[in-house]
Amino acid sequence: MVKYLIRHYVTADFFAEKVVNENEIDTIKNDLKANSIPNGSFSFVMLKGTEKTVRTTYEIYDEKLNDRDKECTSNE
């Protein structure tokens, strides 16, 4: 049986949140210090209803060798 890899390119709105100790930010100067940019230590939650599929592709999937040079089909 042939298997296919389906890939959806999606855009969406997220919020990132993290609980920190008071010594990790400066509330007087409104400085988040190392927390100014969300990274892997933040939890990301997608806002429901904001997702939009930009493009979808599919290609034959070979579990032994996933060759990225295979021709794929897109519905751009």
C-alpha atoms as a PDB file:
ATOM      1  CA  MET A   1       0.000   0.000   0.000  1.00  0.00           C
ATOM      2  CA  VAL A   2       1.398   3.408  -0.971  1.00  0.00           C
ATOM      3  CA  LYS A   3       1.685   6.001   1.793  1.00  0.00           C
ATOM      4  CA  TYR A   4       1.629   9.766   1.277  1.00  0.00           C
ATOM      5  CA  LEU A   5       3.135  12.557   3.342  1.00  0.00           C
ATOM      6  CA  ILE A   6       0.696  15.481   3.504  1.00  0.00           C
ATOM      7  CA  ARG A   7       2.098  18.847   4.561  1.00  0.00           C
ATOM      8  CA  HIS A   8      -0.035  21.917   5.323  1.00  0.00           C
ATOM      9  CA  TYR A   9       1.624  25.336   5.458  1.00  0.00           C
ATOM     10  CA  VAL A  10      -0.411  27.244   8.035  1.00  0.00           C
ATOM     11  CA  THR A  11      -0.443  30.725   9.534  1.00  0.00           C
ATOM     12  CA  ALA A  12      -2.110  31.454  12.879  1.00  0.00           C
ATOM     13  CA  ASP A  13      -2.044  33.798  15.843  1.00  0.00           C
ATOM     14  CA  PHE A  14      -0.478  32.549  19.077  1.00  0.00           C
ATOM     15  CA  PHE A  15       0.225  33.850  22.505  1.00  0.00           C
ATOM     16  CA  ALA A  16       3.275  32.798  24.486  1.00  0.00           C
ATOM     17  CA  GLU A  17       3.243  32.695  28.265  1.00  0.00           C
ATOM     18  CA  LYS A  18       5.626  31.863  31.070  1.00  0.00           C
ATOM     19  CA  VAL A  19       5.559  32.286  34.853  1.00  0.00           C
ATOM     20  CA  VAL A  20       8.746  33.907  36.191  1.00  0.00           C
ATOM     21  CA  ASN A  21      10.100  34.891  39.584  1.00  0.00           C
ATOM     22  CA  GLU A  22      10.132  38.570  40.492  1.00  0.00           C
ATOM     23  CA  ASN A  23      13.950  38.721  40.263  1.00  0.00           C
ATOM     24  CA  GLU A  24      13.827  37.690  36.577  1.00  0.00           C
ATOM     25  CA  ILE A  25      12.166  40.953  35.451  1.00  0.00           C
ATOM     26  CA  ASP A  26      12.338  44.648  36.410  1.00  0.00           C
ATOM     27  CA  THR A  27       8.816  45.955  36.973  1.00  0.00           C
ATOM     28  CA  ILE A  28      10.067  49.474  37.748  1.00  0.00           C
ATOM     29  CA  LYS A  29      11.745  49.893  34.333  1.00  0.00           C
ATOM     30  CA  ASN A  30       9.247  47.600  32.576  1.00  0.00           C
ATOM     31  CA  ASP A  31      12.193  45.397  31.493  1.00  0.00           C
ATOM     32  CA  LEU A  32      11.493  41.722  30.868  1.00  0.00           C
ATOM     33  CA  LYS A  33      15.258  41.033  30.573  1.00  0.00           C
ATOM     34  CA  ALA A  34      15.863  37.532  29.114  1.00  0.00           C
ATOM     35  CA  ASN A  35      12.102  37.087  28.674  1.00  0.00           C
ATOM     36  CA  SER A  36      11.683  39.878  26.101  1.00  0.00           C
ATOM     37  CA  ILE A  37      11.499  37.392  23.236  1.00  0.00           C
ATOM     38  CA  PRO A  38       9.612  34.114  23.646  1.00  0.00           C
ATOM     39  CA  ASN A  39      11.719  30.975  23.314  1.00  0.00           C
ATOM     40  CA  GLY A  40      11.340  27.280  24.031  1.00  0.00           C
ATOM     41  CA  SER A  41      10.774  27.926  27.739  1.00  0.00           C
ATOM     42  CA  PHE A  42       7.424  29.612  26.958  1.00  0.00           C
ATOM     43  CA  SER A  43       4.138  27.774  26.435  1.00  0.00           C
ATOM     44  CA  PHE A  44       2.547  28.600  23.081  1.00  0.00           C
ATOM     45  CA  VAL A  45      -1.215  28.531  22.614  1.00  0.00           C
ATOM     46  CA  MET A  46      -2.878  29.017  19.242  1.00  0.00           C
ATOM     47  CA  LEU A  47      -5.867  31.332  19.277  1.00  0.00           C
ATOM     48  CA  LYS A  48      -8.866  29.355  18.043  1.00  0.00           C
ATOM     49  CA  GLY A  49     -10.216  30.433  14.681  1.00  0.00           C
ATOM     50  CA  THR A  50      -7.058  32.274  13.557  1.00  0.00           C
ATOM     51  CA  GLU A  51      -5.571  29.385  11.565  1.00  0.00           C
ATOM     52  CA  LYS A  52      -5.391  29.692   7.801  1.00  0.00           C
ATOM     53  CA  THR A  53      -3.960  27.107   5.405  1.00  0.00           C
ATOM     54  CA  VAL A  54      -1.653  28.880   2.965  1.00  0.00           C
ATOM     55  CA  ARG A  55      -0.601  25.879   0.903  1.00  0.00           C
ATOM     56  CA  THR A  56      -0.902  22.100   0.958  1.00  0.00           C
ATOM     57  CA  THR A  57       1.439  19.572  -0.633  1.00  0.00           C
ATOM     58  CA  TYR A  58       1.586  15.799  -0.749  1.00  0.00           C
ATOM     59  CA  GLU A  59       4.179  13.318  -1.931  1.00  0.00           C
ATOM     60  CA  ILE A  60       4.776   9.603  -1.858  1.00  0.00           C
ATOM     61  CA  TYR A  61       6.263   8.711   1.514  1.00  0.00           C
ATOM     62  CA  ASP A  62       8.955   6.067   1.755  1.00  0.00           C
ATOM     63  CA  GLU A  63       9.705   5.146   5.379  1.00  0.00           C
ATOM     64  CA  LYS A  64      13.121   3.720   4.479  1.00  0.00           C
ATOM     65  CA  LEU A  65      14.326   6.717   2.499  1.00  0.00           C
ATOM     66  CA  ASN A  66      12.489  10.011   2.574  1.00  0.00           C
ATOM     67  CA  ASP A  67      14.033  11.636  -0.515  1.00  0.00           C
ATOM     68  CA  ARG A  68      13.227  15.363  -0.562  1.00  0.00           C
ATOM     69  CA  ASP A  69      13.970  15.471  -4.319  1.00  0.00           C
ATOM     70  CA  LYS A  70      10.773  13.560  -5.097  1.00  0.00           C
ATOM     71  CA  GLU A  71       8.240  15.444  -7.123  1.00  0.00           C
ATOM     72  CA  CYS A  72       5.392  16.702  -4.965  1.00  0.00           C
ATOM     73  CA  THR A  73       1.984  18.073  -5.821  1.00  0.00           C
ATOM     74  CA  SER A  74       0.802  21.436  -4.513  1.00  0.00           C
ATOM     75  CA  ASN A  75      -2.492  23.275  -4.560  1.00  0.00           C
ATOM     76  CA  GLU A  76      -1.037  26.777  -4.063  1.00  0.00           C
END
